[in-house]
Amino acid sequence: MRRREFITLLGGAVGAWPLAAGAQQAERVRRIGVLVYLAAGDAEGQARLAAFTQALGGFTTWEYSMSGKWLELLKEIAPGVTRAAVLRDPASASGTGQFGAVQIVAPALGVQVTPVDVRDAGEIERAVATFARGPNGGLIVTGSAGGIVHREVIAKVAAQHKLPAVFPSRVYVTSGGLISYGPDLIDQFRRAAGYVDRILKGEKPGDLPVQAPTKYELVINLKTAKALGLDVPTR
């Protein structure tokens, strides 16, 4: 019987990607479960997992200090903003850390920041609508599974209330969001495959160093910017 390694890619509670990949001779069949928070048919999830699988034939996604850049970008693209709602997942340590980084730079930029917890679509809509009653507002969305799941809702309410918004990854911008700045997640998935290979060959996970992202990308939705009346240089 020909030996093969099987990789099962689970899309959270929404769906699953069953994939099989040929591999070198092994003593036994290895199974790798990759948990993601995107539906089985989501193009972004498929692109990330394709990069992971390609690199097969452990990493940190967020460096909290870079989160302050989101507020800087918000102020740059919409200079009139003096208030910013920061959407975060209260159950995630990363949400707290990213909000802290935003708070640090807020005084120097003359912006008052307010945390908004992300739990479900209804709560997001109500919280953003309440925040939008005040003047000169903008949104910052931190990195979280809840944010990804509700990205279309967030983009919709931001547009509805004419709020410029900054997001942590390009998938929000392709869903109608204004601007994103964050690590290249496709590259992260590709690099993570090297760690999986080393572990399968016998290295102890605890002995492998934690690596931060090395590639970041800035993405702007010019159509959304035009709808908000924002002037964005094309060069």
C-alpha atoms as a PDB file:
ATOM      1  CA  MET A   1       0.000   0.000   0.000  1.00  0.00           C
ATOM      2  CA  ARG A   2       1.380   3.381  -0.973  1.00  0.00           C
ATOM      3  CA  ARG A   3       2.108   5.555   2.039  1.00  0.00           C
ATOM      4  CA  ARG A   4       0.598   9.036   2.096  1.00  0.00           C
ATOM      5  CA  GLU A   5       0.172  11.854   4.542  1.00  0.00           C
ATOM      6  CA  PHE A   6      -3.269  13.366   4.907  1.00  0.00           C
ATOM      7  CA  ILE A   7      -3.962  16.970   5.885  1.00  0.00           C
ATOM      8  CA  THR A   8      -7.432  17.763   7.185  1.00  0.00           C
ATOM      9  CA  LEU A   9      -8.191  21.489   7.076  1.00  0.00           C
ATOM     10  CA  LEU A  10     -11.111  22.424   9.287  1.00  0.00           C
ATOM     11  CA  GLY A  11     -13.086  25.612   8.710  1.00  0.00           C
ATOM     12  CA  GLY A  12     -14.142  26.065  12.337  1.00  0.00           C
ATOM     13  CA  ALA A  13     -17.749  25.016  12.884  1.00  0.00           C
ATOM     14  CA  VAL A  14     -18.760  26.166   9.418  1.00  0.00           C
ATOM     15  CA  GLY A  15     -17.168  23.693   7.062  1.00  0.00           C
ATOM     16  CA  ALA A  16     -14.087  21.656   6.244  1.00  0.00           C
ATOM     17  CA  TRP A  17     -11.493  21.305   3.512  1.00  0.00           C
ATOM     18  CA  PRO A  18     -10.410  17.656   3.180  1.00  0.00           C
ATOM     19  CA  LEU A  19      -7.097  17.612   1.299  1.00  0.00           C
ATOM     20  CA  ALA A  20      -4.545  14.903   0.687  1.00  0.00           C
ATOM     21  CA  ALA A  21      -0.899  15.637  -0.041  1.00  0.00           C
ATOM     22  CA  GLY A  22       1.806  13.247  -1.207  1.00  0.00           C
ATOM     23  CA  ALA A  23       4.843  13.138   1.090  1.00  0.00           C
ATOM     24  CA  GLN A  24       8.088  11.385   1.765  1.00  0.00           C
ATOM     25  CA  GLN A  25       8.202   7.873   3.181  1.00  0.00           C
ATOM     26  CA  ALA A  26       6.969   7.853   6.791  1.00  0.00           C
ATOM     27  CA  GLU A  27       6.618   5.320   9.557  1.00  0.00           C
ATOM     28  CA  ARG A  28       2.933   6.067   9.925  1.00  0.00           C
ATOM     29  CA  VAL A  29       0.168   8.237   8.561  1.00  0.00           C
ATOM     30  CA  ARG A  30       0.324  11.760  10.014  1.00  0.00           C
ATOM     31  CA  ARG A  31      -2.747  13.931  10.422  1.00  0.00           C
ATOM     32  CA  ILE A  32      -2.568  17.717  10.721  1.00  0.00           C
ATOM     33  CA  GLY A  33      -5.587  19.748  11.766  1.00  0.00           C
ATOM     34  CA  VAL A  34      -5.490  23.413  10.769  1.00  0.00           C
ATOM     35  CA  LEU A  35      -8.240  25.401  12.471  1.00  0.00           C
ATOM     36  CA  VAL A  36      -9.405  28.515  10.647  1.00  0.00           C
ATOM     37  CA  TYR A  37     -12.411  30.815  11.031  1.00  0.00           C
ATOM     38  CA  LEU A  38     -13.517  30.988   7.412  1.00  0.00           C
ATOM     39  CA  ALA A  39     -16.207  29.029   5.600  1.00  0.00           C
ATOM     40  CA  ALA A  40     -15.227  26.177   3.298  1.00  0.00           C
ATOM     41  CA  GLY A  41     -15.985  28.163   0.155  1.00  0.00           C
ATOM     42  CA  ASP A  42     -14.314  31.397   1.264  1.00  0.00           C
ATOM     43  CA  ALA A  43     -11.711  32.468  -1.312  1.00  0.00           C
ATOM     44  CA  GLU A  44      -9.445  34.065   1.289  1.00  0.00           C
ATOM     45  CA  GLY A  45      -9.342  30.874   3.346  1.00  0.00           C
ATOM     46  CA  GLN A  46      -8.633  28.762   0.301  1.00  0.00           C
ATOM     47  CA  ALA A  47      -5.729  31.033  -0.688  1.00  0.00           C
ATOM     48  CA  ARG A  48      -4.157  30.802   2.777  1.00  0.00           C
ATOM     49  CA  LEU A  49      -4.524  27.046   2.955  1.00  0.00           C
ATOM     50  CA  ALA A  50      -3.222  26.579  -0.581  1.00  0.00           C
ATOM     51  CA  ALA A  51      -0.038  28.419   0.434  1.00  0.00           C
ATOM     52  CA  PHE A  52       0.264  26.206   3.516  1.00  0.00           C
ATOM     53  CA  THR A  53      -0.177  23.002   1.542  1.00  0.00           C
ATOM     54  CA  GLN A  54       2.199  24.132  -1.210  1.00  0.00           C
ATOM     55  CA  ALA A  55       4.979  24.765   1.295  1.00  0.00           C
ATOM     56  CA  LEU A  56       4.504  21.327   2.901  1.00  0.00           C
ATOM     57  CA  GLY A  57       5.326  19.393  -0.497  1.00  0.00           C
ATOM     58  CA  GLY A  58       3.900  27.634  15.108  1.00  0.00           C
ATOM     59  CA  PHE A  59       4.144  31.710  14.265  1.00  0.00           C
ATOM     60  CA  THR A  60       2.788  34.835  15.805  1.00  0.00           C
ATOM     61  CA  THR A  61       0.461  36.802  13.562  1.00  0.00           C
ATOM     62  CA  TRP A  62       0.407  40.093  15.413  1.00  0.00           C
ATOM     63  CA  GLU A  63       3.098  42.315  16.790  1.00  0.00           C
ATOM     64  CA  TYR A  64       1.013  44.499  19.096  1.00  0.00           C
ATOM     65  CA  SER A  65       3.139  47.625  18.693  1.00  0.00           C
ATOM     66  CA  MET A  66       2.202  47.905  15.012  1.00  0.00           C
ATOM     67  CA  SER A  67      -1.472  48.312  15.974  1.00  0.00           C
ATOM     68  CA  GLY A  68      -0.825  51.991  16.675  1.00  0.00           C
ATOM     69  CA  LYS A  69      -0.259  52.368  12.942  1.00  0.00           C
ATOM     70  CA  TRP A  70      -3.977  51.800  12.363  1.00  0.00           C
ATOM     71  CA  LEU A  71      -4.862  55.012  14.185  1.00  0.00           C
ATOM     72  CA  GLU A  72      -2.111  56.883  12.353  1.00  0.00           C
ATOM     73  CA  LEU A  73      -3.538  55.709   9.020  1.00  0.00           C
ATOM     74  CA  LEU A  74      -7.070  56.633  10.065  1.00  0.00           C
ATOM     75  CA  LYS A  75      -5.942  60.151  10.952  1.00  0.00           C
ATOM     76  CA  GLU A  76      -3.961  60.426   7.722  1.00  0.00           C
ATOM     77  CA  ILE A  77      -6.765  59.353   5.419  1.00  0.00           C
ATOM     78  CA  ALA A  78      -9.448  61.265   7.387  1.00  0.00           C
ATOM     79  CA  PRO A  79      -7.741  64.206   9.173  1.00  0.00           C
ATOM     80  CA  GLY A  80     -11.025  65.412  10.677  1.00  0.00           C
ATOM     81  CA  VAL A  81     -11.414  62.320  12.878  1.00  0.00           C
ATOM     82  CA  THR A  82     -11.233  63.125  16.598  1.00  0.00           C
ATOM     83  CA  ARG A  83     -13.051  60.035  17.921  1.00  0.00           C
ATOM     84  CA  ALA A  84     -12.404  56.390  17.089  1.00  0.00           C
ATOM     85  CA  ALA A  85     -14.315  53.276  18.090  1.00  0.00           C
ATOM     86  CA  VAL A  86     -11.979  50.275  18.377  1.00  0.00           C
ATOM     87  CA  LEU A  87     -13.789  47.008  17.666  1.00  0.00           C
ATOM     88  CA  ARG A  88     -12.220  44.089  19.541  1.00  0.00           C
ATOM     89  CA  ASP A  89     -12.950  40.575  20.767  1.00  0.00           C
ATOM     90  CA  PRO A  90     -13.156  40.803  24.605  1.00  0.00           C
ATOM     91  CA  ALA A  91     -12.343  37.097  24.909  1.00  0.00           C
ATOM     92  CA  SER A  92      -9.087  37.451  22.992  1.00  0.00           C
ATOM     93  CA  ALA A  93      -5.818  38.592  24.565  1.00  0.00           C
ATOM     94  CA  SER A  94      -4.761  40.003  21.207  1.00  0.00           C
ATOM     95  CA  GLY A  95      -7.767  42.329  21.169  1.00  0.00           C
ATOM     96  CA  THR A  96      -6.747  43.796  24.524  1.00  0.00           C
ATOM     97  CA  GLY A  97      -3.112  44.134  23.459  1.00  0.00           C
ATOM     98  CA  GLN A  98      -3.947  45.806  20.172  1.00  0.00           C
ATOM     99  CA  PHE A  99      -6.334  48.251  21.834  1.00  0.00           C
ATOM    100  CA  GLY A 100      -3.580  49.129  24.320  1.00  0.00           C
ATOM    101  CA  ALA A 101      -1.212  49.972  21.463  1.00  0.00           C
ATOM    102  CA  VAL A 102      -3.852  52.210  19.885  1.00  0.00           C
ATOM    103  CA  GLN A 103      -4.416  53.970  23.228  1.00  0.00           C
ATOM    104  CA  ILE A 104      -0.722  54.792  23.513  1.00  0.00           C
ATOM    105  CA  VAL A 105      -0.601  56.826  20.286  1.00  0.00           C
ATOM    106  CA  ALA A 106      -4.074  58.385  20.629  1.00  0.00           C
ATOM    107  CA  PRO A 107      -3.110  61.481  22.730  1.00  0.00           C
ATOM    108  CA  ALA A 108      -0.388  62.552  20.316  1.00  0.00           C
ATOM    109  CA  LEU A 109      -2.857  62.332  17.424  1.00  0.00           C
ATOM    110  CA  GLY A 110      -5.622  64.172  19.282  1.00  0.00           C
ATOM    111  CA  VAL A 111      -8.048  61.246  19.039  1.00  0.00           C
ATOM    112  CA  GLN A 112     -10.301  59.850  21.773  1.00  0.00           C
ATOM    113  CA  VAL A 113     -10.567  56.056  21.493  1.00  0.00           C
ATOM    114  CA  THR A 114     -13.436  53.912  22.771  1.00  0.00           C
ATOM    115  CA  PRO A 115     -13.408  50.085  22.929  1.00  0.00           C
ATOM    116  CA  VAL A 116     -16.371  48.276  21.380  1.00  0.00           C
ATOM    117  CA  ASP A 117     -16.744  44.556  22.058  1.00  0.00           C
ATOM    118  CA  VAL A 118     -17.418  42.277  19.061  1.00  0.00           C
ATOM    119  CA  ARG A 119     -19.721  39.357  19.898  1.00  0.00           C
ATOM    120  CA  ASP A 120     -22.469  39.190  17.295  1.00  0.00           C
ATOM    121  CA  ALA A 121     -23.793  41.107  14.320  1.00  0.00           C
ATOM    122  CA  GLY A 122     -26.646  42.739  16.220  1.00  0.00           C
ATOM    123  CA  GLU A 123     -24.358  44.074  18.920  1.00  0.00           C
ATOM    124  CA  ILE A 124     -21.946  45.448  16.320  1.00  0.00           C
ATOM    125  CA  GLU A 125     -24.727  47.261  14.486  1.00  0.00           C
ATOM    126  CA  ARG A 126     -26.151  48.781  17.684  1.00  0.00           C
ATOM    127  CA  ALA A 127     -22.757  49.814  19.078  1.00  0.00           C
ATOM    128  CA  VAL A 128     -21.591  51.433  15.850  1.00  0.00           C
ATOM    129  CA  ALA A 129     -24.938  53.230  15.390  1.00  0.00           C
ATOM    130  CA  THR A 130     -24.682  54.640  18.924  1.00  0.00           C
ATOM    131  CA  PHE A 131     -21.081  55.733  18.381  1.00  0.00           C
ATOM    132  CA  ALA A 132     -21.923  57.343  15.038  1.00  0.00           C
ATOM    133  CA  ARG A 133     -24.356  59.791  16.692  1.00  0.00           C
ATOM    134  CA  GLY A 134     -21.357  61.877  17.716  1.00  0.00           C
ATOM    135  CA  PRO A 135     -19.314  63.963  15.270  1.00  0.00           C
ATOM    136  CA  ASN A 136     -15.935  63.337  13.622  1.00  0.00           C
ATOM    137  CA  GLY A 137     -15.907  59.582  14.206  1.00  0.00           C
ATOM    138  CA  GLY A 138     -13.955  56.712  12.689  1.00  0.00           C
ATOM    139  CA  LEU A 139     -13.506  52.977  13.218  1.00  0.00           C
ATOM    140  CA  ILE A 140     -10.565  50.688  13.891  1.00  0.00           C
ATOM    141  CA  VAL A 141     -11.068  46.924  13.768  1.00  0.00           C
ATOM    142  CA  THR A 142      -8.525  44.779  15.605  1.00  0.00           C
ATOM    143  CA  GLY A 143      -7.586  41.280  14.496  1.00  0.00           C
ATOM    144  CA  SER A 144      -9.983  38.614  15.722  1.00  0.00           C
ATOM    145  CA  ALA A 145     -12.038  35.673  14.540  1.00  0.00           C
ATOM    146  CA  GLY A 146     -15.226  37.568  15.369  1.00  0.00           C
ATOM    147  CA  GLY A 147     -14.160  40.473  13.209  1.00  0.00           C
ATOM    148  CA  ILE A 148     -13.468  38.194  10.241  1.00  0.00           C
ATOM    149  CA  VAL A 149     -16.797  36.406  10.603  1.00  0.00           C
ATOM    150  CA  HIS A 150     -18.703  39.702  10.741  1.00  0.00           C
ATOM    151  CA  ARG A 151     -16.522  41.626   8.273  1.00  0.00           C
ATOM    152  CA  GLU A 152     -19.333  42.288   5.821  1.00  0.00           C
ATOM    153  CA  VAL A 153     -21.594  43.578   8.607  1.00  0.00           C
ATOM    154  CA  ILE A 154     -18.835  45.882   9.857  1.00  0.00           C
ATOM    155  CA  ALA A 155     -18.109  47.217   6.370  1.00  0.00           C
ATOM    156  CA  LYS A 156     -21.833  47.764   5.791  1.00  0.00           C
ATOM    157  CA  VAL A 157     -22.485  49.711   9.010  1.00  0.00           C
ATOM    158  CA  ALA A 158     -19.310  51.763   8.511  1.00  0.00           C
ATOM    159  CA  ALA A 159     -20.551  52.781   5.061  1.00  0.00           C
ATOM    160  CA  GLN A 160     -24.088  53.360   6.318  1.00  0.00           C
ATOM    161  CA  HIS A 161     -22.907  55.810   8.965  1.00  0.00           C
ATOM    162  CA  LYS A 162     -20.191  57.365   6.760  1.00  0.00           C
ATOM    163  CA  LEU A 163     -17.414  56.282   9.117  1.00  0.00           C
ATOM    164  CA  PRO A 164     -13.881  55.883   7.699  1.00  0.00           C
ATOM    165  CA  ALA A 165     -12.520  52.571   8.957  1.00  0.00           C
ATOM    166  CA  VAL A 166      -9.140  50.870   9.173  1.00  0.00           C
ATOM    167  CA  PHE A 167      -8.908  47.078   9.216  1.00  0.00           C
ATOM    168  CA  PRO A 168      -6.171  44.527  10.032  1.00  0.00           C
ATOM    169  CA  SER A 169      -6.166  42.585   6.759  1.00  0.00           C
ATOM    170  CA  ARG A 170      -7.090  42.824   3.084  1.00  0.00           C
ATOM    171  CA  VAL A 171     -10.058  40.460   3.366  1.00  0.00           C
ATOM    172  CA  TYR A 172     -12.014  43.308   5.000  1.00  0.00           C
ATOM    173  CA  VAL A 173     -11.220  45.641   2.108  1.00  0.00           C
ATOM    174  CA  THR A 174     -12.359  43.112  -0.471  1.00  0.00           C
ATOM    175  CA  SER A 175     -15.624  42.968   1.519  1.00  0.00           C
ATOM    176  CA  GLY A 176     -16.098  46.726   1.110  1.00  0.00           C
ATOM    177  CA  GLY A 177     -13.927  48.143   3.895  1.00  0.00           C
ATOM    178  CA  LEU A 178     -11.921  51.318   3.345  1.00  0.00           C
ATOM    179  CA  ILE A 179      -8.305  50.537   4.206  1.00  0.00           C
ATOM    180  CA  SER A 180      -6.268  47.755   5.781  1.00  0.00           C
ATOM    181  CA  TYR A 181      -2.761  47.406   7.113  1.00  0.00           C
ATOM    182  CA  GLY A 182      -1.369  44.177   8.473  1.00  0.00           C
ATOM    183  CA  PRO A 183       0.794  41.135   7.909  1.00  0.00           C
ATOM    184  CA  ASP A 184       0.661  39.192   4.672  1.00  0.00           C
ATOM    185  CA  LEU A 185      -1.262  36.183   6.004  1.00  0.00           C
ATOM    186  CA  ILE A 186      -0.607  34.096   2.905  1.00  0.00           C
ATOM    187  CA  ASP A 187       3.108  34.417   3.640  1.00  0.00           C
ATOM    188  CA  GLN A 188       2.491  33.456   7.280  1.00  0.00           C
ATOM    189  CA  PHE A 189       0.710  30.259   6.287  1.00  0.00           C
ATOM    190  CA  ARG A 190       3.501  29.428   3.854  1.00  0.00           C
ATOM    191  CA  ARG A 191       6.215  29.922   6.491  1.00  0.00           C
ATOM    192  CA  ALA A 192       4.274  27.933   9.083  1.00  0.00           C
ATOM    193  CA  ALA A 193       4.469  24.865   6.868  1.00  0.00           C
ATOM    194  CA  GLY A 194       8.234  24.779   7.435  1.00  0.00           C
ATOM    195  CA  TYR A 195       7.661  24.452  11.163  1.00  0.00           C
ATOM    196  CA  VAL A 196       5.194  21.628  10.669  1.00  0.00           C
ATOM    197  CA  ASP A 197       7.776  19.809   8.553  1.00  0.00           C
ATOM    198  CA  ARG A 198      10.451  20.202  11.241  1.00  0.00           C
ATOM    199  CA  ILE A 199       8.108  18.928  13.966  1.00  0.00           C
ATOM    200  CA  LEU A 200       7.137  15.892  11.908  1.00  0.00           C
ATOM    201  CA  LYS A 201      10.832  15.143  11.504  1.00  0.00           C
ATOM    202  CA  GLY A 202      11.309  15.016  15.268  1.00  0.00           C
ATOM    203  CA  GLU A 203      12.086  18.536  16.491  1.00  0.00           C
ATOM    204  CA  LYS A 204      10.374  19.592  19.711  1.00  0.00           C
ATOM    205  CA  PRO A 205       7.851  22.437  19.239  1.00  0.00           C
ATOM    206  CA  GLY A 206       9.108  24.112  22.424  1.00  0.00           C
ATOM    207  CA  ASP A 207      12.606  24.351  20.946  1.00  0.00           C
ATOM    208  CA  LEU A 208      11.466  26.259  17.850  1.00  0.00           C
ATOM    209  CA  PRO A 209      11.683  30.080  18.033  1.00  0.00           C
ATOM    210  CA  VAL A 210       8.558  32.205  17.702  1.00  0.00           C
ATOM    211  CA  GLN A 211       8.701  34.254  14.512  1.00  0.00           C
ATOM    212  CA  ALA A 212       6.943  37.547  13.857  1.00  0.00           C
ATOM    213  CA  PRO A 213       5.620  38.556  10.425  1.00  0.00           C
ATOM    214  CA  THR A 214       8.184  39.850   7.948  1.00  0.00           C
ATOM    215  CA  LYS A 215       5.823  41.118   5.243  1.00  0.00           C
ATOM    216  CA  TYR A 216       3.111  43.743   5.699  1.00  0.00           C
ATOM    217  CA  GLU A 217       0.670  45.134   3.167  1.00  0.00           C
ATOM    218  CA  LEU A 218      -1.431  48.289   2.815  1.00  0.00           C
ATOM    219  CA  VAL A 219      -4.664  47.956   0.832  1.00  0.00           C
ATOM    220  CA  ILE A 220      -7.124  50.746  -0.012  1.00  0.00           C
ATOM    221  CA  ASN A 221     -10.585  50.419  -1.543  1.00  0.00           C
ATOM    222  CA  LEU A 222     -10.805  53.466  -3.826  1.00  0.00           C
ATOM    223  CA  LYS A 223     -14.520  52.942  -4.460  1.00  0.00           C
ATOM    224  CA  THR A 224     -15.257  53.106  -0.733  1.00  0.00           C
ATOM    225  CA  ALA A 225     -12.984  56.122  -0.341  1.00  0.00           C
ATOM    226  CA  LYS A 226     -14.897  57.935  -3.094  1.00  0.00           C
ATOM    227  CA  ALA A 227     -18.240  57.107  -1.462  1.00  0.00           C
ATOM    228  CA  LEU A 228     -16.950  58.632   1.801  1.00  0.00           C
ATOM    229  CA  GLY A 229     -15.715  61.725   0.001  1.00  0.00           C
ATOM    230  CA  LEU A 230     -12.077  61.015   0.811  1.00  0.00           C
ATOM    231  CA  ASP A 231      -9.277  62.005  -1.525  1.00  0.00           C
ATOM    232  CA  VAL A 232      -6.721  59.202  -1.789  1.00  0.00           C
ATOM    233  CA  PRO A 233      -3.591  59.647  -3.934  1.00  0.00           C
ATOM    234  CA  THR A 234      -3.283  56.907  -6.555  1.00  0.00           C
ATOM    235  CA  ARG A 235       0.549  57.142  -6.584  1.00  0.00           C
END
